[in-house]
Structure formats: structure tokens, C-alpha cells
Amino acid sequence: MTLKTVREAEATLLSGIRREIRSLARIRHPGIVRIVDEGLHEGMPWYAMELLEGTTLRCWTPTLA
């Protein structure tokens, strides 16, 4: 599992960010990493995604390195 957080966000954007996380959590598709949990910590949204094994995009795109 990978945990992601929102570092800084304007208060007016937080409800939209949480709504987007919840929407993404409902999607089930083999090409999209699943969001398995979400919540708030000290007022900032966080979400947990399944951890996938494999090659990173960076390996295939040398300009990102």
C-alpha cells in the first residue's frame, strides 16, 4: 500500500479534493491503481493506494530522470 497526502491546499479546494478521492476510489479498472482508503489528518486529506510491482515510467522515459 502507498500512502499519499495533500501537502497544502486552500480551504475552498479541500472539499473538491476529497470528493475527487472518493470518486476515484469507486473506479475498478485493470489500468487504474485502486484507492483502498481515505481520510483526514489535521484537516488535510490523505489516501492509500494499492502498491503495484513493476517497472516505473522513469525507466522508459530517460528525459524524466
PDB file of N, CA and C in Angstrom:
ATOM      1  N   MET A   1       0.846  -1.168   0.000  1.00  0.00           N
ATOM      2  CA  MET A   1       0.000   0.000   0.000  1.00  0.00           C
ATOM      3  C   MET A   1       0.896   1.238   0.000  1.00  0.00           C
ATOM      4  N   THR A   2       0.472   2.263  -0.704  1.00  0.00           N
ATOM      5  CA  THR A   2       1.177   3.539  -0.761  1.00  0.00           C
ATOM      6  C   THR A   2       0.263   4.608  -0.189  1.00  0.00           C
ATOM      7  N   LEU A   3       0.791   5.429   0.703  1.00  0.00           N
ATOM      8  CA  LEU A   3       0.008   6.492   1.317  1.00  0.00           C
ATOM      9  C   LEU A   3       0.377   7.818   0.677  1.00  0.00           C
ATOM     10  N   LYS A   4      -0.627   8.574   0.235  1.00  0.00           N
ATOM     11  CA  LYS A   4      -0.426   9.874  -0.386  1.00  0.00           C
ATOM     12  C   LYS A   4      -1.143  10.917   0.468  1.00  0.00           C
ATOM     13  N   THR A   5      -0.551  12.106   0.548  1.00  0.00           N
ATOM     14  CA  THR A   5      -1.190  13.199   1.274  1.00  0.00           C
ATOM     15  C   THR A   5      -1.212  14.445   0.404  1.00  0.00           C
ATOM     16  N   VAL A   6      -2.072  15.362   0.766  1.00  0.00           N
ATOM     17  CA  VAL A   6      -2.114  16.662   0.124  1.00  0.00           C
ATOM     18  C   VAL A   6      -1.285  17.591   1.005  1.00  0.00           C
ATOM     19  N   ARG A   7      -0.247  18.169   0.452  1.00  0.00           N
ATOM     20  CA  ARG A   7       0.661  18.988   1.274  1.00  0.00           C
ATOM     21  C   ARG A   7       0.027  20.296   1.703  1.00  0.00           C
ATOM     22  N   GLU A   8      -0.421  21.064   0.760  1.00  0.00           N
ATOM     23  CA  GLU A   8      -1.056  22.338   1.071  1.00  0.00           C
ATOM     24  C   GLU A   8      -2.210  22.544   0.110  1.00  0.00           C
ATOM     25  N   ALA A   9      -3.282  23.024   0.627  1.00  0.00           N
ATOM     26  CA  ALA A   9      -4.432  23.304  -0.224  1.00  0.00           C
ATOM     27  C   ALA A   9      -5.241  24.420   0.407  1.00  0.00           C
ATOM     28  N   GLU A  10      -5.816  25.240  -0.424  1.00  0.00           N
ATOM     29  CA  GLU A  10      -6.703  26.288   0.081  1.00  0.00           C
ATOM     30  C   GLU A  10      -7.948  25.624   0.653  1.00  0.00           C
ATOM     31  N   ALA A  11      -8.460  26.176   1.702  1.00  0.00           N
ATOM     32  CA  ALA A  11      -9.639  25.606   2.366  1.00  0.00           C
ATOM     33  C   ALA A  11     -10.791  25.435   1.384  1.00  0.00           C
ATOM     34  N   THR A  12     -10.913  26.338   0.422  1.00  0.00           N
ATOM     35  CA  THR A  12     -12.003  26.255  -0.545  1.00  0.00           C
ATOM     36  C   THR A  12     -11.849  25.067  -1.491  1.00  0.00           C
ATOM     37  N   LEU A  13     -10.644  24.515  -1.609  1.00  0.00           N
ATOM     38  CA  LEU A  13     -10.398  23.395  -2.514  1.00  0.00           C
ATOM     39  C   LEU A  13     -10.497  22.033  -1.828  1.00  0.00           C
ATOM     40  N   LEU A  14     -10.438  21.995  -0.499  1.00  0.00           N
ATOM     41  CA  LEU A  14     -10.381  20.716   0.223  1.00  0.00           C
ATOM     42  C   LEU A  14     -11.586  19.823  -0.023  1.00  0.00           C
ATOM     43  N   SER A  15     -12.784  20.374  -0.046  1.00  0.00           N
ATOM     44  CA  SER A  15     -13.963  19.517  -0.265  1.00  0.00           C
ATOM     45  C   SER A  15     -13.928  18.924  -1.676  1.00  0.00           C
ATOM     46  N   GLY A  16     -13.457  19.665  -2.658  1.00  0.00           N
ATOM     47  CA  GLY A  16     -13.335  19.153  -4.019  1.00  0.00           C
ATOM     48  C   GLY A  16     -12.298  18.049  -4.115  1.00  0.00           C
ATOM     49  N   ILE A  17     -11.185  18.211  -3.409  1.00  0.00           N
ATOM     50  CA  ILE A  17     -10.138  17.193  -3.403  1.00  0.00           C
ATOM     51  C   ILE A  17     -10.674  15.908  -2.782  1.00  0.00           C
ATOM     52  N   ARG A  18     -11.376  16.020  -1.665  1.00  0.00           N
ATOM     53  CA  ARG A  18     -11.935  14.827  -1.011  1.00  0.00           C
ATOM     54  C   ARG A  18     -12.987  14.164  -1.897  1.00  0.00           C
ATOM     55  N   ARG A  19     -13.807  14.952  -2.585  1.00  0.00           N
ATOM     56  CA  ARG A  19     -14.817  14.405  -3.489  1.00  0.00           C
ATOM     57  C   ARG A  19     -14.137  13.648  -4.638  1.00  0.00           C
ATOM     58  N   GLU A  20     -13.042  14.190  -5.164  1.00  0.00           N
ATOM     59  CA  GLU A  20     -12.312  13.524  -6.233  1.00  0.00           C
ATOM     60  C   GLU A  20     -11.700  12.206  -5.752  1.00  0.00           C
ATOM     61  N   ILE A  21     -11.130  12.199  -4.553  1.00  0.00           N
ATOM     62  CA  ILE A  21     -10.560  10.968  -3.987  1.00  0.00           C
ATOM     63  C   ILE A  21     -11.640   9.905  -3.848  1.00  0.00           C
ATOM     64  N   ARG A  22     -12.802  10.280  -3.308  1.00  0.00           N
ATOM     65  CA  ARG A  22     -13.899   9.314  -3.139  1.00  0.00           C
ATOM     66  C   ARG A  22     -14.400   8.797  -4.486  1.00  0.00           C
ATOM     67  N   SER A  23     -14.449   9.657  -5.491  1.00  0.00           N
ATOM     68  CA  SER A  23     -14.873   9.234  -6.834  1.00  0.00           C
ATOM     69  C   SER A  23     -13.878   8.236  -7.419  1.00  0.00           C
ATOM     70  N   LEU A  24     -12.596   8.536  -7.292  1.00  0.00           N
ATOM     71  CA  LEU A  24     -11.565   7.625  -7.805  1.00  0.00           C
ATOM     72  C   LEU A  24     -11.582   6.291  -7.073  1.00  0.00           C
ATOM     73  N   ALA A  25     -11.935   6.301  -5.793  1.00  0.00           N
ATOM     74  CA  ALA A  25     -11.970   5.070  -5.003  1.00  0.00           C
ATOM     75  C   ALA A  25     -13.046   4.109  -5.507  1.00  0.00           C
ATOM     76  N   ARG A  26     -14.062   4.620  -6.179  1.00  0.00           N
ATOM     77  CA  ARG A  26     -15.138   3.758  -6.697  1.00  0.00           C
ATOM     78  C   ARG A  26     -14.786   3.109  -8.034  1.00  0.00           C
ATOM     79  N   ILE A  27     -13.740   3.583  -8.697  1.00  0.00           N
ATOM     80  CA  ILE A  27     -13.381   3.061 -10.018  1.00  0.00           C
ATOM     81  C   ILE A  27     -12.662   1.729  -9.885  1.00  0.00           C
ATOM     82  N   ARG A  28     -13.098   0.757 -10.663  1.00  0.00           N
ATOM     83  CA  ARG A  28     -12.437  -0.558 -10.726  1.00  0.00           C
ATOM     84  C   ARG A  28     -12.096  -0.813 -12.186  1.00  0.00           C
ATOM     85  N   HIS A  29     -10.816  -0.726 -12.519  1.00  0.00           N
ATOM     86  CA  HIS A  29     -10.353  -0.943 -13.886  1.00  0.00           C
ATOM     87  C   HIS A  29      -8.932  -1.485 -13.823  1.00  0.00           C
ATOM     88  N   PRO A  30      -8.574  -2.455 -14.658  1.00  0.00           N
ATOM     89  CA  PRO A  30      -7.235  -3.042 -14.591  1.00  0.00           C
ATOM     90  C   PRO A  30      -6.108  -2.057 -14.899  1.00  0.00           C
ATOM     91  N   GLY A  31      -6.419  -0.953 -15.550  1.00  0.00           N
ATOM     92  CA  GLY A  31      -5.385   0.024 -15.888  1.00  0.00           C
ATOM     93  C   GLY A  31      -5.272   1.176 -14.899  1.00  0.00           C
ATOM     94  N   ILE A  32      -6.037   1.130 -13.812  1.00  0.00           N
ATOM     95  CA  ILE A  32      -6.041   2.216 -12.828  1.00  0.00           C
ATOM     96  C   ILE A  32      -5.749   1.647 -11.448  1.00  0.00           C
ATOM     97  N   VAL A  33      -4.774   2.235 -10.762  1.00  0.00           N
ATOM     98  CA  VAL A  33      -4.425   1.796  -9.408  1.00  0.00           C
ATOM     99  C   VAL A  33      -5.591   2.111  -8.471  1.00  0.00           C
ATOM    100  N   ARG A  34      -5.956   1.134  -7.645  1.00  0.00           N
ATOM    101  CA  ARG A  34      -7.094   1.282  -6.728  1.00  0.00           C
ATOM    102  C   ARG A  34      -6.750   2.130  -5.516  1.00  0.00           C
ATOM    103  N   ILE A  35      -7.659   3.004  -5.142  1.00  0.00           N
ATOM    104  CA  ILE A  35      -7.576   3.713  -3.866  1.00  0.00           C
ATOM    105  C   ILE A  35      -8.332   2.852  -2.866  1.00  0.00           C
ATOM    106  N   VAL A  36      -7.652   2.445  -1.782  1.00  0.00           N
ATOM    107  CA  VAL A  36      -8.261   1.496  -0.843  1.00  0.00           C
ATOM    108  C   VAL A  36      -8.770   2.147   0.440  1.00  0.00           C
ATOM    109  N   ASP A  37      -8.345   3.370   0.729  1.00  0.00           N
ATOM    110  CA  ASP A  37      -8.822   4.058   1.932  1.00  0.00           C
ATOM    111  C   ASP A  37      -8.533   5.544   1.781  1.00  0.00           C
ATOM    112  N   GLU A  38      -9.240   6.355   2.563  1.00  0.00           N
ATOM    113  CA  GLU A  38      -9.028   7.801   2.530  1.00  0.00           C
ATOM    114  C   GLU A  38      -9.491   8.397   3.843  1.00  0.00           C
ATOM    115  N   GLY A  39      -9.019   9.596   4.129  1.00  0.00           N
ATOM    116  CA  GLY A  39      -9.434  10.253   5.356  1.00  0.00           C
ATOM    117  C   GLY A  39      -8.822  11.623   5.496  1.00  0.00           C
ATOM    118  N   LEU A  40      -8.858  12.144   6.709  1.00  0.00           N
ATOM    119  CA  LEU A  40      -8.289  13.454   7.030  1.00  0.00           C
ATOM    120  C   LEU A  40      -7.299  13.298   8.174  1.00  0.00           C
ATOM    121  N   HIS A  41      -6.206  14.034   8.097  1.00  0.00           N
ATOM    122  CA  HIS A  41      -5.243  14.109   9.200  1.00  0.00           C
ATOM    123  C   HIS A  41      -4.896  15.571   9.395  1.00  0.00           C
ATOM    124  N   GLU A  42      -5.224  16.086  10.557  1.00  0.00           N
ATOM    125  CA  GLU A  42      -5.006  17.502  10.872  1.00  0.00           C
ATOM    126  C   GLU A  42      -5.599  18.404   9.794  1.00  0.00           C
ATOM    127  N   GLY A  43      -6.784  18.008   9.307  1.00  0.00           N
ATOM    128  CA  GLY A  43      -7.509  18.816   8.334  1.00  0.00           C
ATOM    129  C   GLY A  43      -7.099  18.636   6.887  1.00  0.00           C
ATOM    130  N   MET A  44      -6.072  17.828   6.621  1.00  0.00           N
ATOM    131  CA  MET A  44      -5.600  17.626   5.253  1.00  0.00           C
ATOM    132  C   MET A  44      -5.972  16.225   4.770  1.00  0.00           C
ATOM    133  N   PRO A  45      -6.461  16.101   3.537  1.00  0.00           N
ATOM    134  CA  PRO A  45      -6.842  14.794   3.009  1.00  0.00           C
ATOM    135  C   PRO A  45      -5.635  13.886   2.778  1.00  0.00           C
ATOM    136  N   TRP A  46      -5.874  12.583   2.940  1.00  0.00           N
ATOM    137  CA  TRP A  46      -4.880  11.569   2.580  1.00  0.00           C
ATOM    138  C   TRP A  46      -5.629  10.413   1.933  1.00  0.00           C
ATOM    139  N   TYR A  47      -4.890   9.612   1.166  1.00  0.00           N
ATOM    140  CA  TYR A  47      -5.482   8.407   0.590  1.00  0.00           C
ATOM    141  C   TYR A  47      -4.420   7.334   0.453  1.00  0.00           C
ATOM    142  N   ALA A  48      -4.864   6.084   0.520  1.00  0.00           N
ATOM    143  CA  ALA A  48      -3.969   4.936   0.398  1.00  0.00           C
ATOM    144  C   ALA A  48      -4.296   4.218  -0.909  1.00  0.00           C
ATOM    145  N   MET A  49      -3.248   3.925  -1.681  1.00  0.00           N
ATOM    146  CA  MET A  49      -3.402   3.240  -2.963  1.00  0.00           C
ATOM    147  C   MET A  49      -2.735   1.880  -2.877  1.00  0.00           C
ATOM    148  N   GLU A  50      -3.230   0.930  -3.686  1.00  0.00           N
ATOM    149  CA  GLU A  50      -2.572  -0.367  -3.721  1.00  0.00           C
ATOM    150  C   GLU A  50      -1.170  -0.175  -4.301  1.00  0.00           C
ATOM    151  N   LEU A  51      -0.233  -0.977  -3.833  1.00  0.00           N
ATOM    152  CA  LEU A  51       1.146  -0.916  -4.303  1.00  0.00           C
ATOM    153  C   LEU A  51       1.322  -1.935  -5.419  1.00  0.00           C
ATOM    154  N   LEU A  52       1.788  -1.465  -6.560  1.00  0.00           N
ATOM    155  CA  LEU A  52       1.998  -2.349  -7.705  1.00  0.00           C
ATOM    156  C   LEU A  52       3.479  -2.607  -7.892  1.00  0.00           C
ATOM    157  N   GLU A  53       3.809  -3.830  -8.214  1.00  0.00           N
ATOM    158  CA  GLU A  53       5.183  -4.197  -8.523  1.00  0.00           C
ATOM    159  C   GLU A  53       5.400  -4.012 -10.017  1.00  0.00           C
ATOM    160  N   GLY A  54       6.594  -3.588 -10.389  1.00  0.00           N
ATOM    161  CA  GLY A  54       6.881  -3.474 -11.817  1.00  0.00           C
ATOM    162  C   GLY A  54       7.861  -2.342 -12.102  1.00  0.00           C
ATOM    163  N   THR A  55       7.981  -2.043 -13.371  1.00  0.00           N
ATOM    164  CA  THR A  55       8.895  -1.024 -13.846  1.00  0.00           C
ATOM    165  C   THR A  55       8.242   0.351 -13.751  1.00  0.00           C
ATOM    166  N   THR A  56       9.023   1.346 -13.376  1.00  0.00           N
ATOM    167  CA  THR A  56       8.488   2.702 -13.290  1.00  0.00           C
ATOM    168  C   THR A  56       8.516   3.375 -14.656  1.00  0.00           C
ATOM    169  N   LEU A  57       7.728   4.394 -14.801  1.00  0.00           N
ATOM    170  CA  LEU A  57       7.707   5.174 -16.033  1.00  0.00           C
ATOM    171  C   LEU A  57       9.069   5.800 -16.297  1.00  0.00           C
ATOM    172  N   ARG A  58       9.774   6.146 -15.245  1.00  0.00           N
ATOM    173  CA  ARG A  58      11.096   6.764 -15.366  1.00  0.00           C
ATOM    174  C   ARG A  58      12.074   5.876 -16.162  1.00  0.00           C
ATOM    175  N   CYS A  59      11.943   4.565 -16.034  1.00  0.00           N
ATOM    176  CA  CYS A  59      12.809   3.632 -16.784  1.00  0.00           C
ATOM    177  C   CYS A  59      12.584   3.744 -18.290  1.00  0.00           C
ATOM    178  N   TRP A  60      11.379   4.076 -18.681  1.00  0.00           N
ATOM    179  CA  TRP A  60      11.031   4.136 -20.099  1.00  0.00           C
ATOM    180  C   TRP A  60      11.165   5.536 -20.679  1.00  0.00           C
ATOM    181  N   THR A  61      11.331   6.547 -19.840  1.00  0.00           N
ATOM    182  CA  THR A  61      11.411   7.927 -20.306  1.00  0.00           C
ATOM    183  C   THR A  61      12.650   8.586 -19.706  1.00  0.00           C
ATOM    184  N   PRO A  62      13.799   8.457 -20.375  1.00  0.00           N
ATOM    185  CA  PRO A  62      15.058   8.982 -19.816  1.00  0.00           C
ATOM    186  C   PRO A  62      15.012  10.490 -19.539  1.00  0.00           C
ATOM    187  N   THR A  63      14.173  11.233 -20.222  1.00  0.00           N
ATOM    188  CA  THR A  63      14.124  12.684 -20.014  1.00  0.00           C
ATOM    189  C   THR A  63      13.542  13.033 -18.646  1.00  0.00           C
ATOM    190  N   LEU A  64      12.850  12.091 -17.985  1.00  0.00           N
ATOM    191  CA  LEU A  64      12.305  12.343 -16.649  1.00  0.00           C
ATOM    192  C   LEU A  64      13.334  12.135 -15.560  1.00  0.00           C
ATOM    193  N   ALA A  65      14.423  11.466 -15.866  1.00  0.00           N
ATOM    194  CA  ALA A  65      15.437  11.119 -14.859  1.00  0.00           C
ATOM    195  C   ALA A  65      16.155  12.335 -14.339  1.00  0.00           C
TER     196      ALA A  65
END
